[in-house]
Amino acid sequence: MSLISMDTLSRIEIIKFFSKRCGVSYRKAAIMYSALNDLFDEAIKNKDSIRIGKIGIFKPIISNPKRVVKGFIRGINGEVTPASEVYNIDHRIKYRFKLFKEYRRKNRM
């Protein structure tokens, strides 16, 4: 099963791949997919890093809270009125994926 031609790997393709690779029924492969999805969900909620074998790692990037000052208010019909509004933005979490150097070297990426 070639996965290279796809732009995005969908749920169905992953389940079919699990089914074929592990020799299990589609239903059991769907349960495996659901378990993997739950595992990622829990790791993201806990702000944990997620290592994907020898391929790479998802790392949480946590930005500090900050204060944002907006120097205008946009009104009806897009009219702009000078004003000063201050917003406080809490911590933000982004995940970044980093390929391991060894994987990039072996696959010439």
PDB file of N, CA and C in Angstrom:
ATOM      1  N   MET A   1       0.845  -1.179   0.000  1.00  0.00           N
ATOM      2  CA  MET A   1       0.000   0.000   0.000  1.00  0.00           C
ATOM      3  C   MET A   1       0.888   1.238   0.000  1.00  0.00           C
ATOM      4  N   SER A   2       0.770   2.039  -1.016  1.00  0.00           N
ATOM      5  CA  SER A   2       1.585   3.243  -1.106  1.00  0.00           C
ATOM      6  C   SER A   2       0.833   4.429  -0.526  1.00  0.00           C
ATOM      7  N   LEU A   3       1.485   5.149   0.384  1.00  0.00           N
ATOM      8  CA  LEU A   3       0.873   6.319   0.996  1.00  0.00           C
ATOM      9  C   LEU A   3       1.492   7.604   0.466  1.00  0.00           C
ATOM     10  N   ILE A   4       2.425   7.482  -0.468  1.00  0.00           N
ATOM     11  CA  ILE A   4       3.200   8.633  -0.917  1.00  0.00           C
ATOM     12  C   ILE A   4       2.391   9.600  -1.764  1.00  0.00           C
ATOM     13  N   SER A   5       1.433   9.139  -2.549  1.00  0.00           N
ATOM     14  CA  SER A   5       0.727  10.013  -3.471  1.00  0.00           C
ATOM     15  C   SER A   5      -0.316  10.901  -2.794  1.00  0.00           C
ATOM     16  N   MET A   6      -0.619  10.674  -1.535  1.00  0.00           N
ATOM     17  CA  MET A   6      -1.662  11.441  -0.860  1.00  0.00           C
ATOM     18  C   MET A   6      -1.111  12.734  -0.267  1.00  0.00           C
ATOM     19  N   ASP A   7      -1.910  13.796  -0.355  1.00  0.00           N
ATOM     20  CA  ASP A   7      -1.536  15.049   0.291  1.00  0.00           C
ATOM     21  C   ASP A   7      -1.800  14.973   1.789  1.00  0.00           C
ATOM     22  N   THR A   8      -2.951  14.419   2.150  1.00  0.00           N
ATOM     23  CA  THR A   8      -3.328  14.285   3.558  1.00  0.00           C
ATOM     24  C   THR A   8      -3.755  12.849   3.802  1.00  0.00           C
ATOM     25  N   LEU A   9      -3.227  12.266   4.837  1.00  0.00           N
ATOM     26  CA  LEU A   9      -3.557  10.897   5.196  1.00  0.00           C
ATOM     27  C   LEU A   9      -4.830  10.926   6.030  1.00  0.00           C
ATOM     28  N   SER A  10      -5.913  10.376   5.504  1.00  0.00           N
ATOM     29  CA  SER A  10      -7.200  10.452   6.190  1.00  0.00           C
ATOM     30  C   SER A  10      -7.421   9.259   7.119  1.00  0.00           C
ATOM     31  N   ARG A  11      -8.453   9.354   7.901  1.00  0.00           N
ATOM     32  CA  ARG A  11      -8.828   8.311   8.858  1.00  0.00           C
ATOM     33  C   ARG A  11      -9.004   6.970   8.148  1.00  0.00           C
ATOM     34  N   ILE A  12      -9.692   6.971   7.033  1.00  0.00           N
ATOM     35  CA  ILE A  12      -9.982   5.727   6.309  1.00  0.00           C
ATOM     36  C   ILE A  12      -8.702   5.065   5.815  1.00  0.00           C
ATOM     37  N   GLU A  13      -7.778   5.859   5.254  1.00  0.00           N
ATOM     38  CA  GLU A  13      -6.521   5.289   4.773  1.00  0.00           C
ATOM     39  C   GLU A  13      -5.699   4.699   5.919  1.00  0.00           C
ATOM     40  N   ILE A  14      -5.706   5.369   7.073  1.00  0.00           N
ATOM     41  CA  ILE A  14      -4.960   4.856   8.227  1.00  0.00           C
ATOM     42  C   ILE A  14      -5.569   3.544   8.701  1.00  0.00           C
ATOM     43  N   ILE A  15      -6.890   3.473   8.775  1.00  0.00           N
ATOM     44  CA  ILE A  15      -7.564   2.242   9.219  1.00  0.00           C
ATOM     45  C   ILE A  15      -7.284   1.106   8.238  1.00  0.00           C
ATOM     46  N   LYS A  16      -7.362   1.384   6.940  1.00  0.00           N
ATOM     47  CA  LYS A  16      -7.070   0.348   5.939  1.00  0.00           C
ATOM     48  C   LYS A  16      -5.624  -0.124   6.052  1.00  0.00           C
ATOM     49  N   PHE A  17      -4.705   0.811   6.310  1.00  0.00           N
ATOM     50  CA  PHE A  17      -3.303   0.462   6.471  1.00  0.00           C
ATOM     51  C   PHE A  17      -3.108  -0.431   7.697  1.00  0.00           C
ATOM     52  N   PHE A  18      -3.713  -0.062   8.842  1.00  0.00           N
ATOM     53  CA  PHE A  18      -3.648  -0.888  10.056  1.00  0.00           C
ATOM     54  C   PHE A  18      -4.195  -2.284   9.779  1.00  0.00           C
ATOM     55  N   SER A  19      -5.329  -2.343   9.098  1.00  0.00           N
ATOM     56  CA  SER A  19      -5.976  -3.624   8.807  1.00  0.00           C
ATOM     57  C   SER A  19      -5.068  -4.525   7.978  1.00  0.00           C
ATOM     58  N   LYS A  20      -4.488  -3.955   6.925  1.00  0.00           N
ATOM     59  CA  LYS A  20      -3.624  -4.743   6.034  1.00  0.00           C
ATOM     60  C   LYS A  20      -2.315  -5.120   6.725  1.00  0.00           C
ATOM     61  N   ARG A  21      -1.652  -4.153   7.367  1.00  0.00           N
ATOM     62  CA  ARG A  21      -0.345  -4.388   7.985  1.00  0.00           C
ATOM     63  C   ARG A  21      -0.436  -5.354   9.161  1.00  0.00           C
ATOM     64  N   CYS A  22      -1.503  -5.241   9.979  1.00  0.00           N
ATOM     65  CA  CYS A  22      -1.617  -6.065  11.192  1.00  0.00           C
ATOM     66  C   CYS A  22      -2.435  -7.339  10.967  1.00  0.00           C
ATOM     67  N   GLY A  23      -3.055  -7.462   9.791  1.00  0.00           N
ATOM     68  CA  GLY A  23      -3.839  -8.656   9.496  1.00  0.00           C
ATOM     69  C   GLY A  23      -5.089  -8.782  10.358  1.00  0.00           C
ATOM     70  N   VAL A  24      -5.711  -7.635  10.655  1.00  0.00           N
ATOM     71  CA  VAL A  24      -6.935  -7.650  11.467  1.00  0.00           C
ATOM     72  C   VAL A  24      -8.097  -7.129  10.630  1.00  0.00           C
ATOM     73  N   SER A  25      -9.295  -7.316  11.150  1.00  0.00           N
ATOM     74  CA  SER A  25     -10.476  -6.848  10.434  1.00  0.00           C
ATOM     75  C   SER A  25     -10.522  -5.323  10.442  1.00  0.00           C
ATOM     76  N   TYR A  26     -11.350  -4.778   9.556  1.00  0.00           N
ATOM     77  CA  TYR A  26     -11.504  -3.331   9.483  1.00  0.00           C
ATOM     78  C   TYR A  26     -12.004  -2.778  10.815  1.00  0.00           C
ATOM     79  N   ARG A  27     -12.919  -3.506  11.442  1.00  0.00           N
ATOM     80  CA  ARG A  27     -13.490  -3.076  12.726  1.00  0.00           C
ATOM     81  C   ARG A  27     -12.413  -2.996  13.825  1.00  0.00           C
ATOM     82  N   LYS A  28     -11.556  -4.010  13.902  1.00  0.00           N
ATOM     83  CA  LYS A  28     -10.484  -3.987  14.905  1.00  0.00           C
ATOM     84  C   LYS A  28      -9.463  -2.897  14.584  1.00  0.00           C
ATOM     85  N   ALA A  29      -9.198  -2.677  13.301  1.00  0.00           N
ATOM     86  CA  ALA A  29      -8.284  -1.609  12.907  1.00  0.00           C
ATOM     87  C   ALA A  29      -8.864  -0.244  13.280  1.00  0.00           C
ATOM     88  N   ALA A  30     -10.190  -0.102  13.165  1.00  0.00           N
ATOM     89  CA  ALA A  30     -10.847   1.148  13.567  1.00  0.00           C
ATOM     90  C   ALA A  30     -10.715   1.370  15.069  1.00  0.00           C
ATOM     91  N   ILE A  31     -10.777   0.303  15.848  1.00  0.00           N
ATOM     92  CA  ILE A  31     -10.583   0.397  17.298  1.00  0.00           C
ATOM     93  C   ILE A  31      -9.142   0.806  17.602  1.00  0.00           C
ATOM     94  N   MET A  32      -8.180   0.247  16.854  1.00  0.00           N
ATOM     95  CA  MET A  32      -6.778   0.621  17.030  1.00  0.00           C
ATOM     96  C   MET A  32      -6.571   2.100  16.706  1.00  0.00           C
ATOM     97  N   TYR A  33      -7.198   2.568  15.635  1.00  0.00           N
ATOM     98  CA  TYR A  33      -7.101   3.973  15.253  1.00  0.00           C
ATOM     99  C   TYR A  33      -7.689   4.861  16.349  1.00  0.00           C
ATOM    100  N   SER A  34      -8.831   4.460  16.878  1.00  0.00           N
ATOM    101  CA  SER A  34      -9.485   5.224  17.939  1.00  0.00           C
ATOM    102  C   SER A  34      -8.595   5.296  19.187  1.00  0.00           C
ATOM    103  N   ALA A  35      -7.952   4.186  19.525  1.00  0.00           N
ATOM    104  CA  ALA A  35      -7.051   4.163  20.683  1.00  0.00           C
ATOM    105  C   ALA A  35      -5.853   5.086  20.456  1.00  0.00           C
ATOM    106  N   LEU A  36      -5.287   5.066  19.254  1.00  0.00           N
ATOM    107  CA  LEU A  36      -4.166   5.944  18.927  1.00  0.00           C
ATOM    108  C   LEU A  36      -4.590   7.411  19.005  1.00  0.00           C
ATOM    109  N   ASN A  37      -5.780   7.693  18.485  1.00  0.00           N
ATOM    110  CA  ASN A  37      -6.312   9.048  18.529  1.00  0.00           C
ATOM    111  C   ASN A  37      -6.516   9.510  19.977  1.00  0.00           C
ATOM    112  N   ASP A  38      -7.054   8.630  20.828  1.00  0.00           N
ATOM    113  CA  ASP A  38      -7.251   8.955  22.245  1.00  0.00           C
ATOM    114  C   ASP A  38      -5.917   9.200  22.946  1.00  0.00           C
ATOM    115  N   LEU A  39      -4.906   8.413  22.577  1.00  0.00           N
ATOM    116  CA  LEU A  39      -3.577   8.584  23.162  1.00  0.00           C
ATOM    117  C   LEU A  39      -2.998   9.955  22.815  1.00  0.00           C
ATOM    118  N   PHE A  40      -3.082  10.351  21.540  1.00  0.00           N
ATOM    119  CA  PHE A  40      -2.606  11.674  21.125  1.00  0.00           C
ATOM    120  C   PHE A  40      -3.399  12.780  21.811  1.00  0.00           C
ATOM    121  N   ASP A  41      -4.713  12.600  21.901  1.00  0.00           N
ATOM    122  CA  ASP A  41      -5.586  13.581  22.540  1.00  0.00           C
ATOM    123  C   ASP A  41      -5.157  13.816  23.988  1.00  0.00           C
ATOM    124  N   GLU A  42      -4.913  12.740  24.703  1.00  0.00           N
ATOM    125  CA  GLU A  42      -4.513  12.835  26.113  1.00  0.00           C
ATOM    126  C   GLU A  42      -3.140  13.502  26.247  1.00  0.00           C
ATOM    127  N   ALA A  43      -2.217  13.158  25.365  1.00  0.00           N
ATOM    128  CA  ALA A  43      -0.875  13.751  25.408  1.00  0.00           C
ATOM    129  C   ALA A  43      -0.930  15.252  25.138  1.00  0.00           C
ATOM    130  N   ILE A  44      -1.751  15.666  24.184  1.00  0.00           N
ATOM    131  CA  ILE A  44      -1.882  17.087  23.866  1.00  0.00           C
ATOM    132  C   ILE A  44      -2.506  17.843  25.030  1.00  0.00           C
ATOM    133  N   LYS A  45      -3.520  17.257  25.658  1.00  0.00           N
ATOM    134  CA  LYS A  45      -4.152  17.894  26.820  1.00  0.00           C
ATOM    135  C   LYS A  45      -3.169  18.060  27.968  1.00  0.00           C
ATOM    136  N   ASN A  46      -2.224  17.118  28.111  1.00  0.00           N
ATOM    137  CA  ASN A  46      -1.223  17.181  29.179  1.00  0.00           C
ATOM    138  C   ASN A  46       0.014  17.983  28.787  1.00  0.00           C
ATOM    139  N   LYS A  47       0.002  18.547  27.574  1.00  0.00           N
ATOM    140  CA  LYS A  47       1.135  19.327  27.041  1.00  0.00           C
ATOM    141  C   LYS A  47       2.409  18.491  26.954  1.00  0.00           C
ATOM    142  N   ASP A  48       2.265  17.214  26.633  1.00  0.00           N
ATOM    143  CA  ASP A  48       3.402  16.307  26.499  1.00  0.00           C
ATOM    144  C   ASP A  48       3.963  16.341  25.080  1.00  0.00           C
ATOM    145  N   SER A  49       5.239  16.025  24.946  1.00  0.00           N
ATOM    146  CA  SER A  49       5.835  15.818  23.625  1.00  0.00           C
ATOM    147  C   SER A  49       5.385  14.445  23.131  1.00  0.00           C
ATOM    148  N   ILE A  50       5.264  14.309  21.805  1.00  0.00           N
ATOM    149  CA  ILE A  50       4.826  13.044  21.218  1.00  0.00           C
ATOM    150  C   ILE A  50       5.896  12.598  20.226  1.00  0.00           C
ATOM    151  N   ARG A  51       6.588  11.529  20.557  1.00  0.00           N
ATOM    152  CA  ARG A  51       7.636  11.010  19.675  1.00  0.00           C
ATOM    153  C   ARG A  51       7.019   9.977  18.735  1.00  0.00           C
ATOM    154  N   ILE A  52       7.276  10.134  17.438  1.00  0.00           N
ATOM    155  CA  ILE A  52       6.775   9.217  16.424  1.00  0.00           C
ATOM    156  C   ILE A  52       7.943   8.364  15.952  1.00  0.00           C
ATOM    157  N   GLY A  53       8.190   7.267  16.665  1.00  0.00           N
ATOM    158  CA  GLY A  53       9.250   6.332  16.317  1.00  0.00           C
ATOM    159  C   GLY A  53      10.573   7.000  16.034  1.00  0.00           C
ATOM    160  N   LYS A  54      11.181   6.630  14.907  1.00  0.00           N
ATOM    161  CA  LYS A  54      12.463   7.195  14.497  1.00  0.00           C
ATOM    162  C   LYS A  54      12.279   8.361  13.527  1.00  0.00           C
ATOM    163  N   ILE A  55      11.030   8.809  13.354  1.00  0.00           N
ATOM    164  CA  ILE A  55      10.717   9.837  12.360  1.00  0.00           C
ATOM    165  C   ILE A  55      10.889  11.244  12.902  1.00  0.00           C
ATOM    166  N   GLY A  56      10.239  11.544  14.017  1.00  0.00           N
ATOM    167  CA  GLY A  56      10.310  12.901  14.549  1.00  0.00           C
ATOM    168  C   GLY A  56       9.537  13.037  15.846  1.00  0.00           C
ATOM    169  N   ILE A  57       9.333  14.287  16.251  1.00  0.00           N
ATOM    170  CA  ILE A  57       8.688  14.554  17.527  1.00  0.00           C
ATOM    171  C   ILE A  57       7.804  15.798  17.424  1.00  0.00           C
ATOM    172  N   PHE A  58       6.619  15.713  18.020  1.00  0.00           N
ATOM    173  CA  PHE A  58       5.755  16.875  18.196  1.00  0.00           C
ATOM    174  C   PHE A  58       6.121  17.474  19.548  1.00  0.00           C
ATOM    175  N   LYS A  59       6.507  18.735  19.545  1.00  0.00           N
ATOM    176  CA  LYS A  59       6.883  19.395  20.799  1.00  0.00           C
ATOM    177  C   LYS A  59       5.951  20.566  21.052  1.00  0.00           C
ATOM    178  N   PRO A  60       5.474  20.688  22.299  1.00  0.00           N
ATOM    179  CA  PRO A  60       4.640  21.853  22.616  1.00  0.00           C
ATOM    180  C   PRO A  60       5.504  23.099  22.768  1.00  0.00           C
ATOM    181  N   ILE A  61       5.062  24.183  22.175  1.00  0.00           N
ATOM    182  CA  ILE A  61       5.711  25.478  22.324  1.00  0.00           C
ATOM    183  C   ILE A  61       4.728  26.339  23.118  1.00  0.00           C
ATOM    184  N   ILE A  62       5.098  26.677  24.344  1.00  0.00           N
ATOM    185  CA  ILE A  62       4.205  27.431  25.218  1.00  0.00           C
ATOM    186  C   ILE A  62       4.679  28.874  25.270  1.00  0.00           C
ATOM    187  N   SER A  63       3.811  29.791  24.812  1.00  0.00           N
ATOM    188  CA  SER A  63       4.180  31.202  24.856  1.00  0.00           C
ATOM    189  C   SER A  63       3.632  31.825  26.138  1.00  0.00           C
ATOM    190  N   ASN A  64       4.339  32.801  26.641  1.00  0.00           N
ATOM    191  CA  ASN A  64       3.952  33.464  27.880  1.00  0.00           C
ATOM    192  C   ASN A  64       2.731  34.351  27.669  1.00  0.00           C
ATOM    193  N   PRO A  65       1.992  34.611  28.756  1.00  0.00           N
ATOM    194  CA  PRO A  65       0.873  35.545  28.625  1.00  0.00           C
ATOM    195  C   PRO A  65       1.411  36.929  28.255  1.00  0.00           C
ATOM    196  N   LYS A  66       0.598  37.697  27.552  1.00  0.00           N
ATOM    197  CA  LYS A  66       1.049  39.035  27.194  1.00  0.00           C
ATOM    198  C   LYS A  66      -0.122  40.001  27.165  1.00  0.00           C
ATOM    199  N   ARG A  67       0.218  41.250  27.187  1.00  0.00           N
ATOM    200  CA  ARG A  67      -0.761  42.321  27.160  1.00  0.00           C
ATOM    201  C   ARG A  67      -0.717  42.942  25.769  1.00  0.00           C
ATOM    202  N   VAL A  68      -1.858  43.106  25.123  1.00  0.00           N
ATOM    203  CA  VAL A  68      -1.937  43.654  23.779  1.00  0.00           C
ATOM    204  C   VAL A  68      -2.719  44.955  23.833  1.00  0.00           C
ATOM    205  N   VAL A  69      -2.166  45.985  23.230  1.00  0.00           N
ATOM    206  CA  VAL A  69      -2.834  47.282  23.184  1.00  0.00           C
ATOM    207  C   VAL A  69      -3.277  47.538  21.749  1.00  0.00           C
ATOM    208  N   LYS A  70      -4.556  47.793  21.603  1.00  0.00           N
ATOM    209  CA  LYS A  70      -5.120  48.091  20.291  1.00  0.00           C
ATOM    210  C   LYS A  70      -5.399  49.594  20.262  1.00  0.00           C
ATOM    211  N   GLY A  71      -4.887  50.295  19.278  1.00  0.00           N
ATOM    212  CA  GLY A  71      -4.985  51.753  19.235  1.00  0.00           C
ATOM    213  C   GLY A  71      -6.207  52.298  18.536  1.00  0.00           C
ATOM    214  N   PHE A  72      -7.173  51.446  18.211  1.00  0.00           N
ATOM    215  CA  PHE A  72      -8.378  51.937  17.541  1.00  0.00           C
ATOM    216  C   PHE A  72      -9.539  50.973  17.788  1.00  0.00           C
ATOM    217  N   ILE A  73     -10.741  51.465  17.511  1.00  0.00           N
ATOM    218  CA  ILE A  73     -11.943  50.626  17.569  1.00  0.00           C
ATOM    219  C   ILE A  73     -12.573  50.662  16.183  1.00  0.00           C
ATOM    220  N   ARG A  74     -12.836  49.494  15.642  1.00  0.00           N
ATOM    221  CA  ARG A  74     -13.476  49.424  14.327  1.00  0.00           C
ATOM    222  C   ARG A  74     -14.991  49.384  14.556  1.00  0.00           C
ATOM    223  N   GLY A  75     -15.677  50.352  14.001  1.00  0.00           N
ATOM    224  CA  GLY A  75     -17.118  50.464  14.207  1.00  0.00           C
ATOM    225  C   GLY A  75     -17.919  49.865  13.072  1.00  0.00           C
ATOM    226  N   ILE A  76     -19.193  50.198  13.046  1.00  0.00           N
ATOM    227  CA  ILE A  76     -20.101  49.729  11.990  1.00  0.00           C
ATOM    228  C   ILE A  76     -19.645  50.320  10.658  1.00  0.00           C
ATOM    229  N   ASN A  77     -19.801  49.587   9.605  1.00  0.00           N
ATOM    230  CA  ASN A  77     -19.380  49.977   8.251  1.00  0.00           C
ATOM    231  C   ASN A  77     -17.875  50.192   8.139  1.00  0.00           C
ATOM    232  N   GLY A  78     -17.104  49.612   9.044  1.00  0.00           N
ATOM    233  CA  GLY A  78     -15.657  49.666   8.964  1.00  0.00           C
ATOM    234  C   GLY A  78     -15.029  50.981   9.377  1.00  0.00           C
ATOM    235  N   GLU A  79     -15.798  51.891   9.960  1.00  0.00           N
ATOM    236  CA  GLU A  79     -15.213  53.176  10.368  1.00  0.00           C
ATOM    237  C   GLU A  79     -14.287  52.977  11.570  1.00  0.00           C
ATOM    238  N   VAL A  80     -13.171  53.666  11.549  1.00  0.00           N
ATOM    239  CA  VAL A  80     -12.146  53.521  12.569  1.00  0.00           C
ATOM    240  C   VAL A  80     -12.161  54.738  13.481  1.00  0.00           C
ATOM    241  N   THR A  81     -12.255  54.487  14.793  1.00  0.00           N
ATOM    242  CA  THR A  81     -12.229  55.547  15.789  1.00  0.00           C
ATOM    243  C   THR A  81     -10.996  55.349  16.661  1.00  0.00           C
ATOM    244  N   PRO A  82     -10.154  56.382  16.797  1.00  0.00           N
ATOM    245  CA  PRO A  82      -8.993  56.238  17.674  1.00  0.00           C
ATOM    246  C   PRO A  82      -9.426  55.970  19.118  1.00  0.00           C
ATOM    247  N   ALA A  83      -8.801  55.004  19.725  1.00  0.00           N
ATOM    248  CA  ALA A  83      -9.101  54.649  21.113  1.00  0.00           C
ATOM    249  C   ALA A  83      -7.973  53.758  21.598  1.00  0.00           C
ATOM    250  N   SER A  84      -8.012  53.459  22.861  1.00  0.00           N
ATOM    251  CA  SER A  84      -7.008  52.557  23.406  1.00  0.00           C
ATOM    252  C   SER A  84      -7.714  51.439  24.150  1.00  0.00           C
ATOM    253  N   GLU A  85      -7.590  50.249  23.616  1.00  0.00           N
ATOM    254  CA  GLU A  85      -8.150  49.071  24.268  1.00  0.00           C
ATOM    255  C   GLU A  85      -7.002  48.156  24.659  1.00  0.00           C
ATOM    256  N   VAL A  86      -7.097  47.561  25.826  1.00  0.00           N
ATOM    257  CA  VAL A  86      -6.044  46.675  26.316  1.00  0.00           C
ATOM    258  C   VAL A  86      -6.647  45.290  26.528  1.00  0.00           C
ATOM    259  N   TYR A  87      -5.970  44.276  25.978  1.00  0.00           N
ATOM    260  CA  TYR A  87      -6.391  42.890  26.134  1.00  0.00           C
ATOM    261  C   TYR A  87      -5.280  42.117  26.819  1.00  0.00           C
ATOM    262  N   ASN A  88      -5.655  41.204  27.673  1.00  0.00           N
ATOM    263  CA  ASN A  88      -4.696  40.282  28.272  1.00  0.00           C
ATOM    264  C   ASN A  88      -4.892  38.921  27.630  1.00  0.00           C
ATOM    265  N   ILE A  89      -3.834  38.390  27.049  1.00  0.00           N
ATOM    266  CA  ILE A  89      -3.899  37.095  26.386  1.00  0.00           C
ATOM    267  C   ILE A  89      -3.179  36.074  27.269  1.00  0.00           C
ATOM    268  N   ASP A  90      -3.857  34.967  27.567  1.00  0.00           N
ATOM    269  CA  ASP A  90      -3.273  33.916  28.410  1.00  0.00           C
ATOM    270  C   ASP A  90      -2.191  33.141  27.663  1.00  0.00           C
ATOM    271  N   HIS A  91      -1.642  32.131  28.355  1.00  0.00           N
ATOM    272  CA  HIS A  91      -0.677  31.228  27.722  1.00  0.00           C
ATOM    273  C   HIS A  91      -1.290  30.635  26.454  1.00  0.00           C
ATOM    274  N   ARG A  92      -0.465  30.489  25.447  1.00  0.00           N
ATOM    275  CA  ARG A  92      -0.899  29.830  24.219  1.00  0.00           C
ATOM    276  C   ARG A  92       0.026  28.666  23.951  1.00  0.00           C
ATOM    277  N   ILE A  93      -0.543  27.592  23.438  1.00  0.00           N
ATOM    278  CA  ILE A  93       0.248  26.391  23.163  1.00  0.00           C
ATOM    279  C   ILE A  93       0.125  26.054  21.682  1.00  0.00           C
ATOM    280  N   LYS A  94       1.275  25.911  21.047  1.00  0.00           N
ATOM    281  CA  LYS A  94       1.327  25.456  19.660  1.00  0.00           C
ATOM    282  C   LYS A  94       2.180  24.202  19.644  1.00  0.00           C
ATOM    283  N   TYR A  95       1.870  23.295  18.756  1.00  0.00           N
ATOM    284  CA  TYR A  95       2.706  22.109  18.576  1.00  0.00           C
ATOM    285  C   TYR A  95       3.470  22.244  17.278  1.00  0.00           C
ATOM    286  N   ARG A  96       4.746  21.941  17.331  1.00  0.00           N
ATOM    287  CA  ARG A  96       5.587  21.932  16.133  1.00  0.00           C
ATOM    288  C   ARG A  96       6.152  20.541  15.958  1.00  0.00           C
ATOM    289  N   PHE A  97       6.228  20.117  14.694  1.00  0.00           N
ATOM    290  CA  PHE A  97       6.793  18.802  14.395  1.00  0.00           C
ATOM    291  C   PHE A  97       8.199  18.989  13.869  1.00  0.00           C
ATOM    292  N   LYS A  98       9.121  18.219  14.410  1.00  0.00           N
ATOM    293  CA  LYS A  98      10.521  18.285  13.990  1.00  0.00           C
ATOM    294  C   LYS A  98      10.969  16.899  13.534  1.00  0.00           C
ATOM    295  N   LEU A  99      11.404  16.808  12.279  1.00  0.00           N
ATOM    296  CA  LEU A  99      11.965  15.554  11.771  1.00  0.00           C
ATOM    297  C   LEU A  99      13.346  15.349  12.370  1.00  0.00           C
ATOM    298  N   PHE A 100      13.658  14.115  12.718  1.00  0.00           N
ATOM    299  CA  PHE A 100      14.986  13.812  13.235  1.00  0.00           C
ATOM    300  C   PHE A 100      16.003  13.883  12.099  1.00  0.00           C
ATOM    301  N   LYS A 101      17.215  14.344  12.412  1.00  0.00           N
ATOM    302  CA  LYS A 101      18.273  14.491  11.414  1.00  0.00           C
ATOM    303  C   LYS A 101      18.593  13.163  10.736  1.00  0.00           C
ATOM    304  N   GLU A 102      18.643  12.102  11.514  1.00  0.00           N
ATOM    305  CA  GLU A 102      18.961  10.777  10.958  1.00  0.00           C
ATOM    306  C   GLU A 102      17.909  10.347   9.939  1.00  0.00           C
ATOM    307  N   TYR A 103      16.639  10.613  10.230  1.00  0.00           N
ATOM    308  CA  TYR A 103      15.554  10.270   9.304  1.00  0.00           C
ATOM    309  C   TYR A 103      15.681  11.085   8.020  1.00  0.00           C
ATOM    310  N   ARG A 104      15.955  12.389   8.166  1.00  0.00           N
ATOM    311  CA  ARG A 104      16.134  13.238   6.969  1.00  0.00           C
ATOM    312  C   ARG A 104      17.309  12.772   6.144  1.00  0.00           C
ATOM    313  N   ARG A 105      18.392  12.392   6.815  1.00  0.00           N
ATOM    314  CA  ARG A 105      19.585  11.940   6.093  1.00  0.00           C
ATOM    315  C   ARG A 105      19.308  10.654   5.332  1.00  0.00           C
ATOM    316  N   LYS A 106      18.658   9.688   5.978  1.00  0.00           N
ATOM    317  CA  LYS A 106      18.382   8.396   5.330  1.00  0.00           C
ATOM    318  C   LYS A 106      17.423   8.538   4.169  1.00  0.00           C
ATOM    319  N   ASN A 107      16.475   9.456   4.283  1.00  0.00           N
ATOM    320  CA  ASN A 107      15.455   9.628   3.241  1.00  0.00           C
ATOM    321  C   ASN A 107      15.726  10.792   2.321  1.00  0.00           C
ATOM    322  N   ARG A 108      16.890  11.392   2.462  1.00  0.00           N
ATOM    323  CA  ARG A 108      17.347  12.505   1.596  1.00  0.00           C
ATOM    324  C   ARG A 108      16.303  13.608   1.502  1.00  0.00           C
ATOM    325  N   MET A 109      15.926  14.128   2.649  1.00  0.00           N
ATOM    326  CA  MET A 109      14.923  15.200   2.691  1.00  0.00           C
ATOM    327  C   MET A 109      15.593  16.521   2.953  1.00  0.00           C
TER     328      MET A 109
END
